Amino acid sequence: MPWSWRYEGTDGRAVVGPAEQFGSQADAESWIGQTWRELATAGVTSVILTEDERVEYKMSLLPSAE
């Protein structure tokens, strides 16, 4: 089953992002690890990892409040 990312902006609404598909969760996570800064610069504030349509998890791209 293909893995992919969905993208959200500050208001929680879907935003357009790269339509990449990956053969494994590890490949998808490696890719996001390399591209998250560019996505954040483009206005993506969170990403959602999916396998087909099943949500694996959601992750913020915003800096953590310390």
PDB file of N, CA and C in Angstrom:
ATOM      1  N   MET A   1       0.832  -1.174   0.000  1.00  0.00           N
ATOM      2  CA  MET A   1       0.000   0.000   0.000  1.00  0.00           C
ATOM      3  C   MET A   1       0.882   1.244   0.000  1.00  0.00           C
ATOM      4  N   PRO A   2       0.542   2.232  -0.807  1.00  0.00           N
ATOM      5  CA  PRO A   2       1.387   3.427  -0.863  1.00  0.00           C
ATOM      6  C   PRO A   2       1.201   4.338   0.349  1.00  0.00           C
ATOM      7  N   TRP A   3       2.303   4.923   0.752  1.00  0.00           N
ATOM      8  CA  TRP A   3       2.320   5.905   1.833  1.00  0.00           C
ATOM      9  C   TRP A   3       2.436   7.289   1.206  1.00  0.00           C
ATOM     10  N   SER A   4       1.803   8.278   1.811  1.00  0.00           N
ATOM     11  CA  SER A   4       1.901   9.644   1.307  1.00  0.00           C
ATOM     12  C   SER A   4       1.637  10.624   2.442  1.00  0.00           C
ATOM     13  N   TRP A   5       1.927  11.884   2.157  1.00  0.00           N
ATOM     14  CA  TRP A   5       1.718  12.961   3.116  1.00  0.00           C
ATOM     15  C   TRP A   5       0.592  13.859   2.639  1.00  0.00           C
ATOM     16  N   ARG A   6      -0.209  14.339   3.582  1.00  0.00           N
ATOM     17  CA  ARG A   6      -1.168  15.414   3.332  1.00  0.00           C
ATOM     18  C   ARG A   6      -0.658  16.625   4.101  1.00  0.00           C
ATOM     19  N   TYR A   7      -1.047  17.801   3.646  1.00  0.00           N
ATOM     20  CA  TYR A   7      -0.488  19.033   4.184  1.00  0.00           C
ATOM     21  C   TYR A   7      -1.603  19.950   4.663  1.00  0.00           C
ATOM     22  N   GLU A   8      -1.353  20.649   5.780  1.00  0.00           N
ATOM     23  CA  GLU A   8      -2.310  21.603   6.333  1.00  0.00           C
ATOM     24  C   GLU A   8      -1.621  22.928   6.611  1.00  0.00           C
ATOM     25  N   GLY A   9      -2.399  24.010   6.508  1.00  0.00           N
ATOM     26  CA  GLY A   9      -1.918  25.343   6.836  1.00  0.00           C
ATOM     27  C   GLY A   9      -2.289  25.718   8.255  1.00  0.00           C
ATOM     28  N   THR A  10      -2.073  26.974   8.607  1.00  0.00           N
ATOM     29  CA  THR A  10      -2.298  27.439   9.977  1.00  0.00           C
ATOM     30  C   THR A  10      -3.741  27.296  10.429  1.00  0.00           C
ATOM     31  N   ASP A  11      -4.684  27.360   9.505  1.00  0.00           N
ATOM     32  CA  ASP A  11      -6.093  27.247   9.873  1.00  0.00           C
ATOM     33  C   ASP A  11      -6.591  25.803   9.895  1.00  0.00           C
ATOM     34  N   GLY A  12      -5.693  24.848   9.671  1.00  0.00           N
ATOM     35  CA  GLY A  12      -6.068  23.439   9.683  1.00  0.00           C
ATOM     36  C   GLY A  12      -6.662  22.941   8.377  1.00  0.00           C
ATOM     37  N   ARG A  13      -6.742  23.815   7.397  1.00  0.00           N
ATOM     38  CA  ARG A  13      -7.277  23.422   6.097  1.00  0.00           C
ATOM     39  C   ARG A  13      -6.180  22.830   5.219  1.00  0.00           C
ATOM     40  N   ALA A  14      -6.603  21.973   4.316  1.00  0.00           N
ATOM     41  CA  ALA A  14      -5.650  21.342   3.398  1.00  0.00           C
ATOM     42  C   ALA A  14      -4.994  22.393   2.508  1.00  0.00           C
ATOM     43  N   VAL A  15      -3.705  22.216   2.287  1.00  0.00           N
ATOM     44  CA  VAL A  15      -2.965  23.048   1.342  1.00  0.00           C
ATOM     45  C   VAL A  15      -2.277  22.132   0.347  1.00  0.00           C
ATOM     46  N   VAL A  16      -1.965  22.691  -0.808  1.00  0.00           N
ATOM     47  CA  VAL A  16      -1.322  21.910  -1.859  1.00  0.00           C
ATOM     48  C   VAL A  16       0.148  21.707  -1.516  1.00  0.00           C
ATOM     49  N   GLY A  17       0.606  20.494  -1.704  1.00  0.00           N
ATOM     50  CA  GLY A  17       2.012  20.165  -1.485  1.00  0.00           C
ATOM     51  C   GLY A  17       2.432  19.087  -2.470  1.00  0.00           C
ATOM     52  N   PRO A  18       3.668  18.659  -2.396  1.00  0.00           N
ATOM     53  CA  PRO A  18       4.160  17.626  -3.307  1.00  0.00           C
ATOM     54  C   PRO A  18       3.327  16.344  -3.217  1.00  0.00           C
ATOM     55  N   ALA A  19       2.975  15.793  -4.340  1.00  0.00           N
ATOM     56  CA  ALA A  19       2.153  14.573  -4.397  1.00  0.00           C
ATOM     57  C   ALA A  19       3.054  13.338  -4.524  1.00  0.00           C
ATOM     58  N   GLU A  20       3.909  13.167  -3.553  1.00  0.00           N
ATOM     59  CA  GLU A  20       4.837  12.040  -3.546  1.00  0.00           C
ATOM     60  C   GLU A  20       4.170  10.804  -2.967  1.00  0.00           C
ATOM     61  N   GLN A  21       4.541   9.630  -3.467  1.00  0.00           N
ATOM     62  CA  GLN A  21       4.099   8.362  -2.882  1.00  0.00           C
ATOM     63  C   GLN A  21       5.330   7.528  -2.589  1.00  0.00           C
ATOM     64  N   PHE A  22       5.247   6.746  -1.532  1.00  0.00           N
ATOM     65  CA  PHE A  22       6.392   5.979  -1.051  1.00  0.00           C
ATOM     66  C   PHE A  22       5.997   4.531  -0.833  1.00  0.00           C
ATOM     67  N   GLY A  23       6.962   3.633  -0.978  1.00  0.00           N
ATOM     68  CA  GLY A  23       6.713   2.218  -0.807  1.00  0.00           C
ATOM     69  C   GLY A  23       6.685   1.764   0.636  1.00  0.00           C
ATOM     70  N   SER A  24       7.201   2.605   1.540  1.00  0.00           N
ATOM     71  CA  SER A  24       7.226   2.228   2.951  1.00  0.00           C
ATOM     72  C   SER A  24       7.099   3.468   3.826  1.00  0.00           C
ATOM     73  N   GLN A  25       6.726   3.245   5.073  1.00  0.00           N
ATOM     74  CA  GLN A  25       6.645   4.328   6.042  1.00  0.00           C
ATOM     75  C   GLN A  25       8.020   4.951   6.238  1.00  0.00           C
ATOM     76  N   ALA A  26       9.044   4.128   6.298  1.00  0.00           N
ATOM     77  CA  ALA A  26      10.403   4.632   6.502  1.00  0.00           C
ATOM     78  C   ALA A  26      10.827   5.570   5.369  1.00  0.00           C
ATOM     79  N   ASP A  27      10.490   5.223   4.132  1.00  0.00           N
ATOM     80  CA  ASP A  27      10.825   6.094   2.995  1.00  0.00           C
ATOM     81  C   ASP A  27      10.098   7.429   3.101  1.00  0.00           C
ATOM     82  N   ALA A  28       8.818   7.388   3.480  1.00  0.00           N
ATOM     83  CA  ALA A  28       8.039   8.620   3.630  1.00  0.00           C
ATOM     84  C   ALA A  28       8.626   9.493   4.733  1.00  0.00           C
ATOM     85  N   GLU A  29       8.987   8.890   5.845  1.00  0.00           N
ATOM     86  CA  GLU A  29       9.546   9.650   6.962  1.00  0.00           C
ATOM     87  C   GLU A  29      10.926  10.203   6.632  1.00  0.00           C
ATOM     88  N   SER A  30      11.715   9.479   5.886  1.00  0.00           N
ATOM     89  CA  SER A  30      13.015   9.983   5.460  1.00  0.00           C
ATOM     90  C   SER A  30      12.848  11.209   4.567  1.00  0.00           C
ATOM     91  N   TRP A  31      11.902  11.121   3.649  1.00  0.00           N
ATOM     92  CA  TRP A  31      11.644  12.236   2.728  1.00  0.00           C
ATOM     93  C   TRP A  31      11.199  13.479   3.491  1.00  0.00           C
ATOM     94  N   ILE A  32      10.256  13.330   4.435  1.00  0.00           N
ATOM     95  CA  ILE A  32       9.772  14.503   5.173  1.00  0.00           C
ATOM     96  C   ILE A  32      10.901  15.084   6.021  1.00  0.00           C
ATOM     97  N   GLY A  33      11.797  14.227   6.508  1.00  0.00           N
ATOM     98  CA  GLY A  33      12.941  14.709   7.264  1.00  0.00           C
ATOM     99  C   GLY A  33      13.864  15.586   6.440  1.00  0.00           C
ATOM    100  N   GLN A  34      13.872  15.367   5.141  1.00  0.00           N
ATOM    101  CA  GLN A  34      14.718  16.150   4.240  1.00  0.00           C
ATOM    102  C   GLN A  34      14.022  17.392   3.695  1.00  0.00           C
ATOM    103  N   THR A  35      12.689  17.412   3.686  1.00  0.00           N
ATOM    104  CA  THR A  35      11.969  18.501   3.018  1.00  0.00           C
ATOM    105  C   THR A  35      11.092  19.361   3.924  1.00  0.00           C
ATOM    106  N   TRP A  36      11.018  19.054   5.213  1.00  0.00           N
ATOM    107  CA  TRP A  36      10.079  19.774   6.073  1.00  0.00           C
ATOM    108  C   TRP A  36      10.351  21.274   6.130  1.00  0.00           C
ATOM    109  N   ARG A  37      11.599  21.677   6.054  1.00  0.00           N
ATOM    110  CA  ARG A  37      11.908  23.119   6.136  1.00  0.00           C
ATOM    111  C   ARG A  37      11.325  23.870   4.937  1.00  0.00           C
ATOM    112  N   GLU A  38      11.469  23.289   3.742  1.00  0.00           N
ATOM    113  CA  GLU A  38      10.917  23.915   2.543  1.00  0.00           C
ATOM    114  C   GLU A  38       9.389  23.983   2.623  1.00  0.00           C
ATOM    115  N   LEU A  39       8.777  22.917   3.135  1.00  0.00           N
ATOM    116  CA  LEU A  39       7.324  22.907   3.285  1.00  0.00           C
ATOM    117  C   LEU A  39       6.876  23.988   4.267  1.00  0.00           C
ATOM    118  N   ALA A  40       7.574  24.099   5.391  1.00  0.00           N
ATOM    119  CA  ALA A  40       7.227  25.107   6.393  1.00  0.00           C
ATOM    120  C   ALA A  40       7.371  26.515   5.817  1.00  0.00           C
ATOM    121  N   THR A  41       8.401  26.737   5.041  1.00  0.00           N
ATOM    122  CA  THR A  41       8.602  28.035   4.391  1.00  0.00           C
ATOM    123  C   THR A  41       7.469  28.339   3.424  1.00  0.00           C
ATOM    124  N   ALA A  42       6.905  27.305   2.808  1.00  0.00           N
ATOM    125  CA  ALA A  42       5.807  27.478   1.853  1.00  0.00           C
ATOM    126  C   ALA A  42       4.444  27.602   2.529  1.00  0.00           C
ATOM    127  N   GLY A  43       4.393  27.574   3.873  1.00  0.00           N
ATOM    128  CA  GLY A  43       3.141  27.776   4.582  1.00  0.00           C
ATOM    129  C   GLY A  43       2.499  26.524   5.146  1.00  0.00           C
ATOM    130  N   VAL A  44       3.150  25.371   5.015  1.00  0.00           N
ATOM    131  CA  VAL A  44       2.624  24.144   5.601  1.00  0.00           C
ATOM    132  C   VAL A  44       2.976  24.152   7.085  1.00  0.00           C
ATOM    133  N   THR A  45       1.963  23.980   7.951  1.00  0.00           N
ATOM    134  CA  THR A  45       2.224  24.000   9.386  1.00  0.00           C
ATOM    135  C   THR A  45       2.127  22.614  10.020  1.00  0.00           C
ATOM    136  N   SER A  46       1.471  21.669   9.316  1.00  0.00           N
ATOM    137  CA  SER A  46       1.428  20.295   9.807  1.00  0.00           C
ATOM    138  C   SER A  46       1.289  19.338   8.627  1.00  0.00           C
ATOM    139  N   VAL A  47       1.744  18.120   8.867  1.00  0.00           N
ATOM    140  CA  VAL A  47       1.679  17.076   7.850  1.00  0.00           C
ATOM    141  C   VAL A  47       1.003  15.853   8.448  1.00  0.00           C
ATOM    142  N   ILE A  48       0.341  15.094   7.595  1.00  0.00           N
ATOM    143  CA  ILE A  48      -0.373  13.897   8.021  1.00  0.00           C
ATOM    144  C   ILE A  48       0.116  12.739   7.171  1.00  0.00           C
ATOM    145  N   LEU A  49       0.666  11.722   7.820  1.00  0.00           N
ATOM    146  CA  LEU A  49       1.142  10.538   7.105  1.00  0.00           C
ATOM    147  C   LEU A  49      -0.013   9.563   6.943  1.00  0.00           C
ATOM    148  N   THR A  50      -0.241   9.137   5.706  1.00  0.00           N
ATOM    149  CA  THR A  50      -1.321   8.190   5.435  1.00  0.00           C
ATOM    150  C   THR A  50      -0.797   6.976   4.668  1.00  0.00           C
ATOM    151  N   GLU A  51      -1.439   5.855   4.924  1.00  0.00           N
ATOM    152  CA  GLU A  51      -1.232   4.651   4.134  1.00  0.00           C
ATOM    153  C   GLU A  51      -2.559   4.409   3.444  1.00  0.00           C
ATOM    154  N   ASP A  52      -2.589   4.580   2.130  1.00  0.00           N
ATOM    155  CA  ASP A  52      -3.839   4.682   1.384  1.00  0.00           C
ATOM    156  C   ASP A  52      -4.629   5.832   2.000  1.00  0.00           C
ATOM    157  N   GLU A  53      -5.770   5.589   2.587  1.00  0.00           N
ATOM    158  CA  GLU A  53      -6.544   6.661   3.216  1.00  0.00           C
ATOM    159  C   GLU A  53      -6.499   6.592   4.738  1.00  0.00           C
ATOM    160  N   ARG A  54      -5.833   5.587   5.291  1.00  0.00           N
ATOM    161  CA  ARG A  54      -5.735   5.426   6.743  1.00  0.00           C
ATOM    162  C   ARG A  54      -4.676   6.377   7.294  1.00  0.00           C
ATOM    163  N   VAL A  55      -5.050   7.162   8.297  1.00  0.00           N
ATOM    164  CA  VAL A  55      -4.105   8.095   8.913  1.00  0.00           C
ATOM    165  C   VAL A  55      -3.226   7.341   9.915  1.00  0.00           C
ATOM    166  N   GLU A  56      -1.910   7.456   9.718  1.00  0.00           N
ATOM    167  CA  GLU A  56      -0.957   6.870  10.661  1.00  0.00           C
ATOM    168  C   GLU A  56      -0.700   7.857  11.811  1.00  0.00           C
ATOM    169  N   TYR A  57      -0.369   9.103  11.471  1.00  0.00           N
ATOM    170  CA  TYR A  57      -0.200  10.145  12.493  1.00  0.00           C
ATOM    171  C   TYR A  57      -0.133  11.522  11.848  1.00  0.00           C
ATOM    172  N   LYS A  58      -0.306  12.555  12.687  1.00  0.00           N
ATOM    173  CA  LYS A  58      -0.215  13.938  12.291  1.00  0.00           C
ATOM    174  C   LYS A  58       0.956  14.566  13.051  1.00  0.00           C
ATOM    175  N   MET A  59       1.702  15.443  12.376  1.00  0.00           N
ATOM    176  CA  MET A  59       2.886  16.047  12.995  1.00  0.00           C
ATOM    177  C   MET A  59       2.964  17.532  12.642  1.00  0.00           C
ATOM    178  N   SER A  60       3.235  18.347  13.627  1.00  0.00           N
ATOM    179  CA  SER A  60       3.401  19.772  13.414  1.00  0.00           C
ATOM    180  C   SER A  60       4.787  20.067  12.839  1.00  0.00           C
ATOM    181  N   LEU A  61       4.856  21.087  11.976  1.00  0.00           N
ATOM    182  CA  LEU A  61       6.136  21.564  11.467  1.00  0.00           C
ATOM    183  C   LEU A  61       6.540  22.870  12.145  1.00  0.00           C
ATOM    184  N   LEU A  62       5.724  23.326  13.089  1.00  0.00           N
ATOM    185  CA  LEU A  62       6.026  24.553  13.815  1.00  0.00           C
ATOM    186  C   LEU A  62       7.043  24.291  14.922  1.00  0.00           C
ATOM    187  N   PRO A  63       7.853  25.291  15.250  1.00  0.00           N
ATOM    188  CA  PRO A  63       8.792  25.114  16.368  1.00  0.00           C
ATOM    189  C   PRO A  63       8.032  24.853  17.650  1.00  0.00           C
ATOM    190  N   SER A  64       8.604  24.024  18.492  1.00  0.00           N
ATOM    191  CA  SER A  64       7.957  23.738  19.776  1.00  0.00           C
ATOM    192  C   SER A  64       8.125  24.922  20.716  1.00  0.00           C
ATOM    193  N   ALA A  65       7.120  25.157  21.523  1.00  0.00           N
ATOM    194  CA  ALA A  65       7.177  26.228  22.530  1.00  0.00           C
ATOM    195  C   ALA A  65       7.966  25.715  23.721  1.00  0.00           C
ATOM    196  N   GLU A  66       8.977  26.449  24.093  1.00  0.00           N
ATOM    197  CA  GLU A  66       9.815  26.002  25.223  1.00  0.00           C
ATOM    198  C   GLU A  66       9.632  26.872  26.423  1.00  0.00           C
TER     199      GLU A  66
END
